[in-house]
Amino acid sequence: MLIFFKEHLKKESFITYIKAIILGSLTPFCSCSSIPLLNAFLKAKVPLGVCIAYLITSPLINPVIVVMFIASFGFKFSLFYIGFLFFVIILIAFFVSKINTQIFLTKIL
């Protein structure tokens, strides 16, 4: 599993953020289940911005929530919800990647 993280999530590019968001949206975990996977990301030296993209996406966009949104609010509103979250998560992850993350990671690792 760590090899997968190193191969696909190691680089810090727009495509890597998209991959992290897709991985987070496919995993039907709450945020408490995402923390061990986040720890694996950090041990695999995945950039913190990519880790944050996964961590935020996992509880907000997952198959269960998408189906519930479609059943409750319709397809158009659900698509708006997913698109809006995609945009906001990419912005947050981008801003996190631009700050000096070493001050946070030295305490963790």
C-alpha atoms as a PDB file:
ATOM      1  CA  MET A   1       0.000   0.000   0.000  1.00  0.00           C
ATOM      2  CA  LEU A   2       2.847   2.401   0.767  1.00  0.00           C
ATOM      3  CA  ILE A   3       4.244   1.786  -2.721  1.00  0.00           C
ATOM      4  CA  PHE A   4       0.923   2.921  -4.211  1.00  0.00           C
ATOM      5  CA  PHE A   5       1.074   6.116  -2.152  1.00  0.00           C
ATOM      6  CA  LYS A   6       4.665   6.787  -3.161  1.00  0.00           C
ATOM      7  CA  GLU A   7       3.977   6.218  -6.858  1.00  0.00           C
ATOM      8  CA  HIS A   8       0.734   8.139  -7.235  1.00  0.00           C
ATOM      9  CA  LEU A   9       0.646  10.738  -4.487  1.00  0.00           C
ATOM     10  CA  LYS A  10       4.300  11.724  -4.028  1.00  0.00           C
ATOM     11  CA  LYS A  11       4.417  14.574  -6.526  1.00  0.00           C
ATOM     12  CA  GLU A  12       2.809  17.887  -5.735  1.00  0.00           C
ATOM     13  CA  SER A  13       0.776  18.678  -8.824  1.00  0.00           C
ATOM     14  CA  PHE A  14      -2.812  19.438  -9.705  1.00  0.00           C
ATOM     15  CA  ILE A  15      -3.333  15.839 -10.877  1.00  0.00           C
ATOM     16  CA  THR A  16      -2.063  14.550  -7.524  1.00  0.00           C
ATOM     17  CA  TYR A  17      -4.652  16.645  -5.689  1.00  0.00           C
ATOM     18  CA  ILE A  18      -7.349  15.245  -7.986  1.00  0.00           C
ATOM     19  CA  LYS A  19      -6.135  11.684  -7.262  1.00  0.00           C
ATOM     20  CA  ALA A  20      -6.259  12.329  -3.507  1.00  0.00           C
ATOM     21  CA  ILE A  21      -9.772  13.742  -3.770  1.00  0.00           C
ATOM     22  CA  ILE A  22     -10.945  10.792  -5.861  1.00  0.00           C
ATOM     23  CA  LEU A  23      -9.374   8.352  -3.404  1.00  0.00           C
ATOM     24  CA  GLY A  24     -11.055  10.182  -0.534  1.00  0.00           C
ATOM     25  CA  SER A  25     -14.415  10.204  -2.296  1.00  0.00           C
ATOM     26  CA  LEU A  26     -14.288   6.470  -2.989  1.00  0.00           C
ATOM     27  CA  THR A  27     -13.572   5.510   0.610  1.00  0.00           C
ATOM     28  CA  PRO A  28     -16.749   5.479   2.711  1.00  0.00           C
ATOM     29  CA  PHE A  29     -14.982   6.374   5.951  1.00  0.00           C
ATOM     30  CA  CYS A  30     -15.733   8.924   8.589  1.00  0.00           C
ATOM     31  CA  SER A  31     -12.908  11.214   9.583  1.00  0.00           C
ATOM     32  CA  CYS A  32     -11.896   8.979  12.523  1.00  0.00           C
ATOM     33  CA  SER A  33     -11.235   6.101  10.113  1.00  0.00           C
ATOM     34  CA  SER A  34      -9.262   8.350   7.777  1.00  0.00           C
ATOM     35  CA  ILE A  35      -6.649   9.262  10.389  1.00  0.00           C
ATOM     36  CA  PRO A  36      -4.719   5.936  10.174  1.00  0.00           C
ATOM     37  CA  LEU A  37      -4.577   6.293   6.396  1.00  0.00           C
ATOM     38  CA  LEU A  38      -3.383   9.875   6.823  1.00  0.00           C
ATOM     39  CA  ASN A  39      -0.613   8.546   9.071  1.00  0.00           C
ATOM     40  CA  ALA A  40       0.389   6.116   6.295  1.00  0.00           C
ATOM     41  CA  PHE A  41       0.423   9.028   3.825  1.00  0.00           C
ATOM     42  CA  LEU A  42       2.727  11.024   6.064  1.00  0.00           C
ATOM     43  CA  LYS A  43       5.067   8.058   6.597  1.00  0.00           C
ATOM     44  CA  ALA A  44       5.223   7.619   2.807  1.00  0.00           C
ATOM     45  CA  LYS A  45       6.327  11.269   2.562  1.00  0.00           C
ATOM     46  CA  VAL A  46       3.210  12.393   0.709  1.00  0.00           C
ATOM     47  CA  PRO A  47       3.050  16.229   0.707  1.00  0.00           C
ATOM     48  CA  LEU A  48       0.835  17.687   3.431  1.00  0.00           C
ATOM     49  CA  GLY A  49      -1.399  19.507   0.932  1.00  0.00           C
ATOM     50  CA  VAL A  50      -2.238  16.190  -0.752  1.00  0.00           C
ATOM     51  CA  CYS A  51      -2.876  14.599   2.660  1.00  0.00           C
ATOM     52  CA  ILE A  52      -5.236  17.427   3.584  1.00  0.00           C
ATOM     53  CA  ALA A  53      -7.111  17.001   0.283  1.00  0.00           C
ATOM     54  CA  TYR A  54      -7.729  13.343   1.153  1.00  0.00           C
ATOM     55  CA  LEU A  55      -8.566  14.033   4.789  1.00  0.00           C
ATOM     56  CA  ILE A  56     -11.173  16.693   4.009  1.00  0.00           C
ATOM     57  CA  THR A  57     -12.738  14.756   1.141  1.00  0.00           C
ATOM     58  CA  SER A  58     -13.179  11.424   2.883  1.00  0.00           C
ATOM     59  CA  PRO A  59     -16.021  12.363   5.260  1.00  0.00           C
ATOM     60  CA  LEU A  60     -17.654  14.960   2.967  1.00  0.00           C
ATOM     61  CA  ILE A  61     -17.839  13.187  -0.395  1.00  0.00           C
ATOM     62  CA  ASN A  62     -18.290   9.437  -0.242  1.00  0.00           C
ATOM     63  CA  PRO A  63     -20.649   6.992  -1.968  1.00  0.00           C
ATOM     64  CA  VAL A  64     -23.115   6.918   0.920  1.00  0.00           C
ATOM     65  CA  ILE A  65     -23.427  10.692   1.122  1.00  0.00           C
ATOM     66  CA  VAL A  66     -23.701  11.080  -2.650  1.00  0.00           C
ATOM     67  CA  VAL A  67     -26.570   8.559  -2.828  1.00  0.00           C
ATOM     68  CA  MET A  68     -28.308  10.228   0.130  1.00  0.00           C
ATOM     69  CA  PHE A  69     -27.945  13.661  -1.481  1.00  0.00           C
ATOM     70  CA  ILE A  70     -29.329  12.417  -4.796  1.00  0.00           C
ATOM     71  CA  ALA A  71     -32.298  10.778  -3.055  1.00  0.00           C
ATOM     72  CA  SER A  72     -32.973  13.803  -0.862  1.00  0.00           C
ATOM     73  CA  PHE A  73     -32.198  16.817  -3.028  1.00  0.00           C
ATOM     74  CA  GLY A  74     -31.999  15.571  -6.613  1.00  0.00           C
ATOM     75  CA  PHE A  75     -29.222  15.087  -9.105  1.00  0.00           C
ATOM     76  CA  LYS A  76     -28.545  18.753  -9.964  1.00  0.00           C
ATOM     77  CA  PHE A  77     -28.096  19.888  -6.370  1.00  0.00           C
ATOM     78  CA  SER A  78     -25.915  16.854  -5.611  1.00  0.00           C
ATOM     79  CA  LEU A  79     -23.686  17.673  -8.575  1.00  0.00           C
ATOM     80  CA  PHE A  80     -23.435  21.274  -7.364  1.00  0.00           C
ATOM     81  CA  TYR A  81     -22.520  20.035  -3.860  1.00  0.00           C
ATOM     82  CA  ILE A  82     -19.782  17.749  -5.186  1.00  0.00           C
ATOM     83  CA  GLY A  83     -18.402  20.389  -7.564  1.00  0.00           C
ATOM     84  CA  PHE A  84     -18.397  23.076  -4.891  1.00  0.00           C
ATOM     85  CA  LEU A  85     -16.588  20.804  -2.420  1.00  0.00           C
ATOM     86  CA  PHE A  86     -14.083  19.774  -5.102  1.00  0.00           C
ATOM     87  CA  PHE A  87     -13.250  23.440  -5.701  1.00  0.00           C
ATOM     88  CA  VAL A  88     -13.026  24.364  -2.003  1.00  0.00           C
ATOM     89  CA  ILE A  89     -10.932  21.296  -1.124  1.00  0.00           C
ATOM     90  CA  ILE A  90      -8.460  22.022  -3.907  1.00  0.00           C
ATOM     91  CA  LEU A  91      -8.170  25.634  -2.709  1.00  0.00           C
ATOM     92  CA  ILE A  92      -7.571  24.588   0.908  1.00  0.00           C
ATOM     93  CA  ALA A  93      -5.047  21.923  -0.095  1.00  0.00           C
ATOM     94  CA  PHE A  94      -3.235  24.387  -2.351  1.00  0.00           C
ATOM     95  CA  PHE A  95      -2.974  26.969   0.432  1.00  0.00           C
ATOM     96  CA  VAL A  96      -1.749  24.342   2.895  1.00  0.00           C
ATOM     97  CA  SER A  97       0.923  23.297   0.403  1.00  0.00           C
ATOM     98  CA  LYS A  98       2.195  26.883   0.177  1.00  0.00           C
ATOM     99  CA  ILE A  99       2.814  27.360   3.906  1.00  0.00           C
ATOM    100  CA  ASN A 100       5.870  26.042   5.724  1.00  0.00           C
ATOM    101  CA  THR A 101       4.598  22.616   6.771  1.00  0.00           C
ATOM    102  CA  GLN A 102       7.817  21.492   8.441  1.00  0.00           C
ATOM    103  CA  ILE A 103       6.798  23.229  11.668  1.00  0.00           C
ATOM    104  CA  PHE A 104       3.760  20.932  11.831  1.00  0.00           C
ATOM    105  CA  LEU A 105       5.449  17.725  10.695  1.00  0.00           C
ATOM    106  CA  THR A 106       8.409  17.843  13.074  1.00  0.00           C
ATOM    107  CA  LYS A 107       6.054  17.276  16.006  1.00  0.00           C
ATOM    108  CA  ILE A 108       4.243  14.383  14.282  1.00  0.00           C
ATOM    109  CA  LEU A 109       7.099  12.497  12.710  1.00  0.00           C
END
